[in-house]
Amino acid sequence: MEYGLLSLNGTKQRGLYTALLILSIIIGISVLFFPFYVPLLLLFSILLIFFITEKPESGLIMAVLSTPLMNVMLGYGHHPSSVSFYEKYNFLIVDIVLIITIIAIAIGRVTEKVEPFKRHNVDMPILILTVYSALTLLWAKDLTYGFCILLQFLSCILLFYTPVILLRGKRILKTILWLWLLSGVFAGVIALTTLYVKFEDLDLFNYKFYLGKNLFYFHTIILENIKQRVGGLADPNRMSFLFNTVLMSGLALFLTIKKRSLKVLITILTLFVLYVDIHTLSKGGYGSLFFTFIIYVMIHPRFKGRQLKTLAFFFAVFIILFMVMAAIDLGGGLGRFGQSPVEVKGSTSLALRFKWWSVDFDALLKTNGLGAGIGGLSDYIFAYAQSSYFSLLGELGLIGSFIALWLVLTYSTDLYSIMKTIKGDNLYFTAALSFTGCVVIFFIHSLVDFSYILRIPWLMAGLAVATAKLGLHSETYKPGENTI
């Protein structure tokens, strides 16, 4: 049963009124010290909080929609030293959405519109990993940047728990699948634009203001293509991972939608995303997609008895689209394939990664296995470690890596136990398998790219657990079995 604000007891009402008073004071202070749009944004955020409180699943929808926006950020720097908008201290728009959503969830618990949080086996390794990550700040050279990365890591954890808390029905699950597919189409259109339209990094929107010597900014950019590779919402490798996750969602929709016209539409949209995905020329993206699709086809009951035909058809479609892409957009040549965009002409991307990974090992050895501390690799290399595993090892060391391994094993074991129970040709198993496939794609592609604070795989991991649990309690649940 849902309850409103008027039905609350006196203590809960006083708590909410106190919270509203504090928020009003914050808005009042912002009017005195910040530009006019800051209090307006705060007021909008407060209204959004209470909207999500009344409609909790809307917070999950907002998180899903904002996660693909990997170059929409809010940041902080110093004036006049700030010369670009790639300052170290920045947060993605999804991080702000999560703050709003978590506040709304807390209020929703008071108003009893959000169900009580149930403990999971993964809670303990997540808690210990978070605490240990915070402890590594004690030996990180740049405390401020390390704290910034810690906050981004916390955002990843919140993104994991958001669907676990808020995903409560089949309707919202189908909505998420559709939104993820449409987000991929949107990202694909922008990506192809970077291939056909010649421009430098495009500032879609750029606003900044100064407060003393401090610079605050909101920035949205589209990356240019890199030597015939598509750009868009992020660099080619991250775009490839985004498109691969979209393809898995499209596959789940295709297998669960019965209406023929919708199946045709899903097929067209999925083929478009695959065509753009091929344009990333990401070897890690190709390999992770192939491996995961093969496993998916081997596991899902719908393909029983025709696995080889399905795989042959998929690879034939991929090869045809690849040949079309090579002929039209690469002039019939694949000179870029395998080269590094940031090194001298002719160097390989793998050779470049070996250089970065050797630096990660140096950071590990110099700290006696403790790692450079969260965010500490920025003192050794530019950007990130080009591997989630080396990124984790280089910053959190051997101890942090073992805790992370404990987390992954716990998550995998619990999810597997539920998936066995709900296995069948149904929406929950199909969607959970697709979301799990997205996580597998990340683990494979992470061998040669990314960092452990990439937001999308954390969301997908949470969606996989939430969907499997939804199926467990909706259709095939047996008391006393397979609880996560």
Protein backbone atom coordinates (compact mmCIF):
# COMPACT_ATOMS: atom_id res chain seq x y z
CA MET A 1 0.00 0.00 0.00
CA GLU A 2 1.23 3.51 -0.82
CA TYR A 3 1.06 6.34 1.65
CA GLY A 4 1.16 10.09 1.23
CA LEU A 5 2.65 12.91 3.25
CA LEU A 6 -0.60 13.60 5.13
CA SER A 7 -0.77 10.08 6.50
CA LEU A 8 2.62 10.28 8.21
CA ASN A 9 2.92 10.31 11.96
CA GLY A 10 4.12 13.40 13.78
CA THR A 11 7.80 12.41 13.99
CA LYS A 12 8.07 11.68 10.27
CA GLN A 13 6.23 14.87 9.37
CA ARG A 14 8.58 16.95 11.54
CA GLY A 15 11.55 15.27 9.87
CA LEU A 16 10.28 16.14 6.41
CA TYR A 17 9.45 19.71 7.40
CA THR A 18 12.96 20.08 8.82
CA ALA A 19 14.44 18.79 5.57
CA LEU A 20 12.34 21.26 3.58
CA LEU A 21 13.46 24.10 5.85
CA ILE A 22 17.12 23.19 5.36
CA LEU A 23 16.68 23.01 1.59
CA SER A 24 14.96 26.41 1.60
CA ILE A 25 17.87 27.91 3.54
CA ILE A 26 20.32 26.45 1.02
CA ILE A 27 18.37 28.03 -1.85
CA GLY A 28 18.30 31.34 -0.01
CA ILE A 29 22.07 31.32 0.52
CA SER A 30 22.66 30.39 -3.13
CA VAL A 31 20.73 33.51 -4.19
CA LEU A 32 23.29 35.64 -2.33
CA PHE A 33 26.49 34.03 -3.53
CA PHE A 34 25.84 32.40 -6.92
CA PRO A 35 24.47 33.45 -10.33
CA PHE A 36 20.70 33.50 -10.71
CA TYR A 37 20.50 30.13 -12.47
CA VAL A 38 22.05 28.24 -9.53
CA PRO A 39 19.07 28.72 -7.14
CA LEU A 40 16.76 27.92 -10.05
CA LEU A 41 18.61 24.64 -10.63
CA LEU A 42 18.45 23.87 -6.92
CA LEU A 43 14.73 24.56 -6.87
CA PHE A 44 14.24 22.35 -9.94
CA SER A 45 16.26 19.60 -8.23
CA ILE A 46 14.06 19.81 -5.13
CA LEU A 47 10.90 19.55 -7.21
CA LEU A 48 12.46 16.62 -9.06
CA ILE A 49 13.24 14.92 -5.75
CA PHE A 50 9.61 15.06 -4.67
CA PHE A 51 8.43 13.92 -8.11
CA ILE A 52 10.66 10.85 -7.85
CA THR A 53 9.42 10.34 -4.29
CA GLU A 54 5.87 10.07 -5.64
CA LYS A 55 6.95 8.01 -8.71
CA PRO A 56 10.08 6.13 -7.54
CA GLU A 57 10.60 4.22 -10.80
CA SER A 58 11.06 7.54 -12.62
CA GLY A 59 14.42 7.82 -10.83
CA LEU A 60 15.52 4.57 -12.44
CA ILE A 61 14.36 5.80 -15.84
CA MET A 62 16.38 8.99 -15.42
CA ALA A 63 19.47 6.98 -14.47
CA VAL A 64 19.07 4.74 -17.53
CA LEU A 65 18.67 7.74 -19.86
CA SER A 66 21.63 9.67 -18.45
CA THR A 67 24.16 6.81 -18.25
CA PRO A 68 25.01 6.80 -22.01
CA LEU A 69 25.82 10.56 -21.85
CA MET A 70 29.50 9.98 -21.18
CA ASN A 71 30.61 13.50 -22.15
CA VAL A 72 27.99 15.55 -20.34
CA MET A 73 29.76 16.77 -17.24
CA LEU A 74 29.95 19.28 -14.46
CA GLY A 75 33.41 20.26 -13.34
CA TYR A 76 35.60 22.33 -11.12
CA GLY A 77 38.96 23.97 -11.80
CA HIS A 78 41.13 26.94 -10.96
CA HIS A 79 41.24 30.28 -12.71
CA PRO A 80 43.32 31.31 -14.62
CA SER A 81 45.18 27.97 -14.82
CA SER A 82 42.24 26.24 -16.49
CA VAL A 83 42.95 26.13 -20.19
CA SER A 84 40.60 23.34 -21.24
CA PHE A 85 37.41 21.71 -20.09
CA TYR A 86 39.06 18.37 -19.46
CA GLU A 87 39.81 19.36 -15.88
CA LYS A 88 40.51 16.46 -13.55
CA TYR A 89 37.72 17.34 -11.17
CA ASN A 90 34.54 16.58 -13.06
CA PHE A 91 31.39 14.52 -12.66
CA LEU A 92 29.01 13.11 -15.23
CA ILE A 93 25.38 14.14 -15.42
CA VAL A 94 24.36 10.65 -14.24
CA ASP A 95 26.21 11.31 -10.96
CA ILE A 96 23.97 14.31 -10.30
CA VAL A 97 20.89 12.29 -11.25
CA LEU A 98 21.92 9.62 -8.76
CA ILE A 99 22.26 12.13 -5.92
CA ILE A 100 18.74 13.37 -6.61
CA THR A 101 17.41 9.81 -6.88
CA ILE A 102 19.06 8.61 -3.65
CA ILE A 103 17.62 11.58 -1.72
CA ALA A 104 14.21 10.79 -3.20
CA ILE A 105 14.59 7.12 -2.22
CA ALA A 106 15.39 8.14 1.35
CA ILE A 107 12.27 10.33 1.50
CA GLY A 108 10.33 7.55 -0.21
CA ARG A 109 11.25 5.19 2.60
CA VAL A 110 9.84 7.70 5.12
CA THR A 111 6.62 8.03 3.13
CA GLU A 112 6.59 4.24 2.55
CA LYS A 113 6.45 4.58 -1.22
CA VAL A 114 9.76 2.73 -1.53
CA GLU A 115 10.04 -0.82 -0.22
CA PRO A 116 12.55 -1.56 2.56
CA PHE A 117 16.02 -2.38 1.32
CA LYS A 118 16.81 -6.08 1.52
CA ARG A 119 20.32 -7.19 2.29
CA HIS A 120 22.30 -9.08 -0.34
CA ASN A 121 25.40 -11.22 -0.26
CA VAL A 122 27.28 -8.64 -2.31
CA ASP A 123 26.74 -5.92 0.29
CA MET A 124 29.69 -6.96 2.44
CA PRO A 125 32.37 -7.08 -0.31
CA ILE A 126 31.04 -3.80 -1.72
CA LEU A 127 31.23 -2.17 1.72
CA ILE A 128 34.74 -3.46 2.39
CA LEU A 129 35.95 -2.44 -1.08
CA THR A 130 34.52 1.06 -0.55
CA VAL A 131 36.13 1.44 2.87
CA TYR A 132 39.47 0.17 1.61
CA SER A 133 39.31 2.52 -1.38
CA ALA A 134 38.82 5.40 1.02
CA LEU A 135 41.78 4.19 3.12
CA THR A 136 44.07 4.32 0.07
CA LEU A 137 43.69 8.10 0.15
CA LEU A 138 46.17 7.99 3.03
CA TRP A 139 49.01 7.26 0.59
CA ALA A 140 47.62 8.86 -2.59
CA LYS A 141 49.78 11.80 -3.71
CA ASP A 142 46.87 13.98 -4.88
CA LEU A 143 44.30 13.81 -2.09
CA THR A 144 41.81 16.10 -3.84
CA TYR A 145 41.82 14.12 -7.08
CA GLY A 146 41.74 10.83 -5.18
CA PHE A 147 38.65 12.01 -3.30
CA CYS A 148 37.07 12.99 -6.64
CA ILE A 149 37.66 9.48 -8.03
CA LEU A 150 36.33 7.97 -4.78
CA LEU A 151 33.10 9.92 -5.27
CA GLN A 152 32.87 8.62 -8.83
CA PHE A 153 33.39 5.08 -7.52
CA LEU A 154 30.56 5.65 -5.03
CA SER A 155 28.44 6.79 -7.96
CA CYS A 156 29.11 3.45 -9.66
CA ILE A 157 27.94 1.61 -6.54
CA LEU A 158 24.79 3.73 -6.29
CA LEU A 159 24.14 3.04 -9.97
CA PHE A 160 24.33 -0.69 -9.20
CA TYR A 161 21.84 -0.45 -6.33
CA THR A 162 19.35 1.88 -8.04
CA PRO A 163 17.66 -0.84 -10.16
CA VAL A 164 17.99 -3.34 -7.30
CA ILE A 165 15.84 -1.00 -5.18
CA LEU A 166 13.49 0.49 -7.79
CA LEU A 167 12.86 -2.17 -10.45
CA ARG A 168 9.51 -3.55 -9.39
CA GLY A 169 7.49 -4.62 -12.43
CA LYS A 170 7.39 -6.03 -15.95
CA ARG A 171 6.25 -2.72 -17.44
CA ILE A 172 9.25 -0.78 -16.24
CA LEU A 173 11.57 -3.59 -17.40
CA LYS A 174 10.20 -3.42 -20.94
CA THR A 175 10.46 0.37 -20.84
CA ILE A 176 14.15 0.14 -19.90
CA LEU A 177 14.86 -2.24 -22.78
CA TRP A 178 13.18 0.09 -25.24
CA LEU A 179 14.88 3.18 -23.84
CA TRP A 180 18.28 1.52 -24.02
CA LEU A 181 17.71 0.55 -27.66
CA LEU A 182 16.53 4.07 -28.57
CA SER A 183 19.50 5.57 -26.72
CA GLY A 184 21.76 3.46 -28.90
CA VAL A 185 20.05 4.71 -32.04
CA PHE A 186 20.46 8.30 -30.84
CA ALA A 187 24.15 7.69 -30.08
CA GLY A 188 24.55 6.00 -33.48
CA VAL A 189 23.16 8.99 -35.36
CA ILE A 190 25.59 11.31 -33.57
CA ALA A 191 28.45 8.87 -34.19
CA LEU A 192 27.82 8.71 -37.94
CA THR A 193 27.61 12.51 -37.99
CA THR A 194 31.20 12.66 -36.72
CA LEU A 195 32.22 10.48 -39.68
CA TYR A 196 30.56 12.52 -42.41
CA VAL A 197 30.84 16.04 -40.98
CA LYS A 198 34.36 17.41 -40.58
CA PHE A 199 34.88 19.38 -37.39
CA GLU A 200 37.08 19.55 -34.38
CA ASP A 201 35.70 18.55 -30.97
CA LEU A 202 32.31 20.23 -31.04
CA ASP A 203 31.17 22.26 -28.05
CA LEU A 204 27.43 21.69 -28.06
CA PHE A 205 26.98 23.64 -24.87
CA ASN A 206 29.54 25.25 -22.67
CA TYR A 207 28.82 27.44 -19.66
CA LYS A 208 31.20 28.53 -16.91
CA PHE A 209 31.29 30.96 -14.04
CA TYR A 210 33.97 32.07 -11.61
CA LEU A 211 33.81 32.29 -7.84
CA GLY A 212 37.01 33.98 -6.79
CA LYS A 213 39.85 31.90 -8.23
CA ASN A 214 37.61 28.88 -8.71
CA LEU A 215 36.07 27.89 -12.01
CA PHE A 216 32.84 25.91 -12.27
CA TYR A 217 31.50 24.67 -15.59
CA PHE A 218 28.86 22.62 -17.34
CA HIS A 219 30.09 21.09 -20.56
CA THR A 220 28.64 18.94 -23.32
CA ILE A 221 30.83 17.84 -26.20
CA ILE A 222 30.85 15.48 -29.16
CA LEU A 223 34.19 13.90 -30.00
CA GLU A 224 35.45 14.05 -33.55
CA ASN A 225 36.17 10.88 -35.49
CA ILE A 226 39.70 9.51 -35.16
CA LYS A 227 41.17 8.45 -38.51
CA GLN A 228 37.91 7.10 -39.96
CA ARG A 229 36.62 5.76 -36.65
CA VAL A 230 33.34 7.18 -35.37
CA GLY A 231 33.34 9.37 -32.27
CA GLY A 232 30.22 10.88 -30.75
CA LEU A 233 29.25 10.64 -27.11
CA ALA A 234 32.68 9.20 -26.25
CA ASP A 235 35.86 7.76 -27.80
CA PRO A 236 35.51 4.82 -30.26
CA ASN A 237 36.18 2.08 -27.69
CA ARG A 238 33.65 3.34 -25.18
CA MET A 239 31.18 3.90 -28.02
CA SER A 240 31.72 0.29 -29.08
CA PHE A 241 30.94 -0.89 -25.55
CA LEU A 242 27.83 1.29 -25.49
CA PHE A 243 26.63 -0.11 -28.82
CA ASN A 244 27.34 -3.69 -27.70
CA THR A 245 25.18 -3.24 -24.61
CA VAL A 246 22.45 -1.77 -26.80
CA LEU A 247 22.65 -4.79 -29.12
CA MET A 248 22.10 -7.13 -26.18
CA SER A 249 19.01 -5.15 -25.17
CA GLY A 250 17.77 -5.24 -28.75
CA LEU A 251 18.21 -9.02 -28.76
CA ALA A 252 16.13 -9.34 -25.58
CA LEU A 253 13.39 -7.20 -27.09
CA PHE A 254 13.36 -9.22 -30.31
CA LEU A 255 13.00 -12.48 -28.42
CA THR A 256 10.21 -11.26 -26.14
CA ILE A 257 8.07 -9.01 -28.35
CA LYS A 258 5.33 -10.93 -30.15
CA LYS A 259 3.86 -8.24 -32.42
CA ARG A 260 5.30 -8.68 -35.93
CA SER A 261 5.45 -4.97 -36.78
CA LEU A 262 7.43 -4.26 -33.60
CA LYS A 263 9.78 -7.13 -34.39
CA VAL A 264 10.49 -5.57 -37.78
CA LEU A 265 11.13 -2.19 -36.14
CA ILE A 266 13.46 -3.75 -33.54
CA THR A 267 15.35 -5.58 -36.29
CA ILE A 268 15.88 -2.38 -38.29
CA LEU A 269 17.03 -0.39 -35.27
CA THR A 270 19.34 -3.19 -34.09
CA LEU A 271 20.94 -3.56 -37.53
CA PHE A 272 21.54 0.19 -37.61
CA VAL A 273 23.26 0.06 -34.21
CA LEU A 274 25.36 -2.92 -35.35
CA TYR A 275 26.36 -1.05 -38.53
CA VAL A 276 27.51 1.96 -36.50
CA ASP A 277 29.20 -0.35 -33.98
CA ILE A 278 31.31 -1.79 -36.80
CA HIS A 279 32.49 1.76 -37.59
CA THR A 280 34.26 1.97 -34.22
CA LEU A 281 36.88 -0.48 -35.54
CA SER A 282 37.33 -1.62 -31.95
CA LYS A 283 39.04 -5.00 -31.82
CA GLY A 284 38.12 -5.37 -28.15
CA GLY A 285 34.54 -4.46 -29.01
CA TYR A 286 34.31 -7.00 -31.81
CA GLY A 287 35.85 -9.81 -29.78
CA SER A 288 33.74 -9.23 -26.67
CA LEU A 289 30.54 -9.06 -28.73
CA PHE A 290 31.31 -12.27 -30.64
CA PHE A 291 32.17 -14.24 -27.50
CA THR A 292 29.13 -13.03 -25.56
CA PHE A 293 26.70 -13.59 -28.42
CA ILE A 294 27.95 -17.16 -28.86
CA ILE A 295 27.44 -17.87 -25.14
CA TYR A 296 23.97 -16.25 -25.25
CA VAL A 297 22.86 -18.41 -28.16
CA MET A 298 24.21 -21.56 -26.51
CA ILE A 299 22.34 -20.84 -23.25
CA HIS A 300 18.97 -19.38 -24.25
CA PRO A 301 16.22 -22.02 -24.77
CA ARG A 302 14.86 -20.24 -27.86
CA PHE A 303 17.92 -21.28 -29.88
CA LYS A 304 17.95 -24.92 -28.83
CA GLY A 305 18.63 -27.12 -31.84
CA ARG A 306 19.53 -24.23 -34.14
CA GLN A 307 22.53 -22.64 -32.46
CA LEU A 308 24.86 -23.17 -35.41
CA LYS A 309 22.38 -21.72 -37.92
CA THR A 310 21.82 -18.68 -35.72
CA LEU A 311 25.54 -18.06 -35.28
CA ALA A 312 26.20 -18.55 -38.99
CA PHE A 313 23.47 -16.04 -39.82
CA PHE A 314 24.83 -13.49 -37.33
CA PHE A 315 28.38 -13.70 -38.62
CA ALA A 316 27.15 -13.50 -42.22
CA VAL A 317 25.24 -10.30 -41.39
CA PHE A 318 28.28 -8.89 -39.59
CA ILE A 319 30.60 -9.63 -42.53
CA ILE A 320 28.16 -8.08 -45.03
CA LEU A 321 27.80 -4.91 -42.97
CA PHE A 322 31.57 -4.79 -42.46
CA MET A 323 32.16 -5.00 -46.23
CA VAL A 324 29.59 -2.26 -46.86
CA MET A 325 31.24 -0.07 -44.24
CA ALA A 326 34.72 -0.69 -45.67
CA ALA A 327 33.61 0.06 -49.22
CA ILE A 328 31.58 3.18 -48.48
CA ASP A 329 33.24 4.81 -45.48
CA LEU A 330 36.82 3.55 -45.60
CA GLY A 331 37.31 3.75 -49.36
CA GLY A 332 37.82 0.01 -49.52
CA GLY A 333 40.81 0.10 -47.17
CA LEU A 334 41.42 -0.83 -43.55
CA GLY A 335 44.64 1.07 -42.95
CA ARG A 336 43.45 2.39 -39.58
CA PHE A 337 42.55 -1.01 -38.21
CA GLY A 338 45.03 -1.93 -35.51
CA GLN A 339 46.84 1.42 -35.35
CA SER A 340 46.99 3.73 -32.38
CA PRO A 341 45.35 7.17 -32.81
CA VAL A 342 47.67 8.84 -30.29
CA GLU A 343 51.10 7.52 -31.29
CA VAL A 344 53.19 8.03 -34.39
CA LYS A 345 51.88 6.67 -37.66
CA GLY A 346 52.17 2.91 -37.92
CA SER A 347 52.33 2.16 -34.21
CA THR A 348 49.92 -0.41 -32.86
CA SER A 349 47.35 0.17 -30.14
CA LEU A 350 48.58 -2.96 -28.34
CA ALA A 351 52.14 -1.62 -28.21
CA LEU A 352 50.85 1.59 -26.68
CA ARG A 353 48.93 -0.37 -24.04
CA PHE A 354 52.03 -2.36 -23.12
CA LYS A 355 53.74 0.94 -22.34
CA TRP A 356 50.89 2.03 -20.05
CA TRP A 357 50.60 -1.35 -18.35
CA SER A 358 54.32 -1.37 -17.55
CA VAL A 359 53.80 1.96 -15.78
CA ASP A 360 50.96 0.37 -13.77
CA PHE A 361 53.31 -2.36 -12.61
CA ASP A 362 55.90 0.25 -11.69
CA ALA A 363 53.32 2.01 -9.53
CA LEU A 364 52.48 -1.32 -7.88
CA LEU A 365 56.13 -2.22 -7.20
CA LYS A 366 57.05 1.22 -5.86
CA THR A 367 54.27 0.95 -3.26
CA ASN A 368 55.12 -2.65 -2.18
CA GLY A 369 51.88 -3.96 -3.65
CA LEU A 370 49.59 -1.36 -2.06
CA GLY A 371 49.04 0.54 -5.30
CA ALA A 372 49.21 4.27 -5.93
CA GLY A 373 45.96 4.92 -4.06
CA ILE A 374 42.59 5.67 -5.62
CA GLY A 375 43.13 8.13 -8.47
CA GLY A 376 46.89 7.76 -8.00
CA LEU A 377 47.68 6.53 -11.52
CA SER A 378 47.22 10.10 -12.76
CA ASP A 379 50.70 10.76 -11.34
CA TYR A 380 52.17 8.08 -13.60
CA ILE A 381 50.22 8.17 -16.87
CA PHE A 382 47.94 10.49 -18.82
CA ALA A 383 44.21 9.73 -18.84
CA TYR A 384 43.53 6.17 -17.65
CA ALA A 385 45.23 2.76 -17.61
CA GLN A 386 43.57 1.33 -20.76
CA SER A 387 42.49 -1.73 -18.75
CA SER A 388 40.09 -1.97 -15.84
CA TYR A 389 42.21 -4.72 -14.35
CA PHE A 390 45.47 -2.77 -14.51
CA SER A 391 43.63 0.35 -13.37
CA LEU A 392 42.33 -1.47 -10.30
CA LEU A 393 45.66 -3.18 -9.60
CA GLY A 394 47.70 -0.01 -10.08
CA GLU A 395 45.52 2.09 -7.76
CA LEU A 396 44.10 -0.26 -5.12
CA GLY A 397 46.93 -2.77 -5.21
CA LEU A 398 46.83 -6.44 -4.42
CA ILE A 399 44.49 -6.07 -1.43
CA GLY A 400 41.92 -4.04 -3.37
CA SER A 401 42.14 -6.46 -6.30
CA PHE A 402 41.45 -9.47 -4.04
CA ILE A 403 38.44 -7.69 -2.50
CA ALA A 404 37.16 -6.87 -5.99
CA LEU A 405 37.62 -10.53 -6.98
CA TRP A 406 35.61 -11.54 -3.90
CA LEU A 407 32.86 -9.14 -5.03
CA VAL A 408 32.80 -10.52 -8.59
CA LEU A 409 32.71 -14.15 -7.42
CA THR A 410 29.94 -13.45 -4.91
CA TYR A 411 27.90 -11.57 -7.49
CA SER A 412 28.39 -14.26 -10.14
CA THR A 413 27.54 -17.14 -7.81
CA ASP A 414 24.36 -15.55 -6.51
CA LEU A 415 23.17 -14.45 -9.93
CA TYR A 416 23.86 -17.91 -11.39
CA SER A 417 21.76 -19.58 -8.68
CA ILE A 418 18.77 -17.39 -9.53
CA MET A 419 19.22 -17.68 -13.29
CA LYS A 420 19.04 -21.48 -12.99
CA THR A 421 15.69 -21.16 -11.24
CA ILE A 422 14.04 -18.77 -13.71
CA LYS A 423 15.60 -20.26 -16.85
CA GLY A 424 13.13 -20.50 -19.69
CA ASP A 425 11.78 -18.69 -22.71
CA ASN A 426 10.38 -15.79 -20.67
CA LEU A 427 10.95 -12.05 -20.36
CA TYR A 428 12.83 -12.17 -17.06
CA PHE A 429 15.40 -14.78 -18.03
CA THR A 430 15.86 -13.27 -21.50
CA ALA A 431 16.38 -9.74 -20.20
CA ALA A 432 18.55 -10.83 -17.25
CA LEU A 433 20.71 -12.87 -19.62
CA SER A 434 21.11 -9.84 -21.88
CA PHE A 435 22.08 -7.56 -19.00
CA THR A 436 24.50 -10.22 -17.77
CA GLY A 437 25.90 -10.38 -21.29
CA CYS A 438 26.62 -6.64 -21.09
CA VAL A 439 28.67 -7.25 -17.94
CA VAL A 440 30.54 -10.09 -19.65
CA ILE A 441 31.28 -7.80 -22.60
CA PHE A 442 32.76 -5.29 -20.16
CA PHE A 443 34.96 -7.90 -18.47
CA ILE A 444 36.35 -9.01 -21.85
CA HIS A 445 36.77 -5.56 -23.36
CA SER A 446 38.30 -4.35 -20.08
CA LEU A 447 41.36 -6.44 -20.81
CA VAL A 448 42.48 -3.70 -23.20
CA ASP A 449 40.53 -0.59 -22.21
CA PHE A 450 38.42 1.37 -19.69
CA SER A 451 38.77 1.81 -15.96
CA TYR A 452 36.84 0.32 -13.05
CA ILE A 453 34.70 3.47 -12.65
CA LEU A 454 33.00 3.20 -16.05
CA ARG A 455 29.32 3.68 -15.18
CA ILE A 456 27.49 1.51 -17.73
CA PRO A 457 28.62 -1.96 -16.53
CA TRP A 458 27.65 -1.15 -12.94
CA LEU A 459 24.15 -0.22 -14.12
CA MET A 460 23.93 -3.40 -16.19
CA ALA A 461 25.09 -5.54 -13.26
CA GLY A 462 22.36 -4.02 -11.10
CA LEU A 463 19.74 -4.51 -13.81
CA ALA A 464 20.74 -8.17 -14.20
CA VAL A 465 20.29 -8.85 -10.48
CA ALA A 466 17.08 -6.83 -10.23
CA THR A 467 15.55 -8.51 -13.30
CA ALA A 468 16.48 -12.01 -12.13
CA LYS A 469 15.00 -11.35 -8.69
CA LEU A 470 11.88 -9.92 -10.31
CA GLY A 471 11.45 -13.12 -12.27
CA LEU A 472 12.19 -15.19 -9.19
CA HIS A 473 9.39 -13.59 -7.19
CA SER A 474 6.96 -13.16 -10.08
CA GLU A 475 6.88 -16.59 -11.69
CA THR A 476 9.16 -19.33 -10.47
CA TYR A 477 9.98 -18.50 -6.87
CA LYS A 478 10.04 -21.35 -4.38
CA PRO A 479 10.30 -20.40 -0.70
CA GLY A 480 13.70 -21.05 0.80
CA GLU A 481 15.58 -21.34 -2.51
CA ASN A 482 18.12 -19.14 -4.24
CA THR A 483 17.92 -15.80 -2.48
CA ILE A 484 20.56 -13.24 -3.28
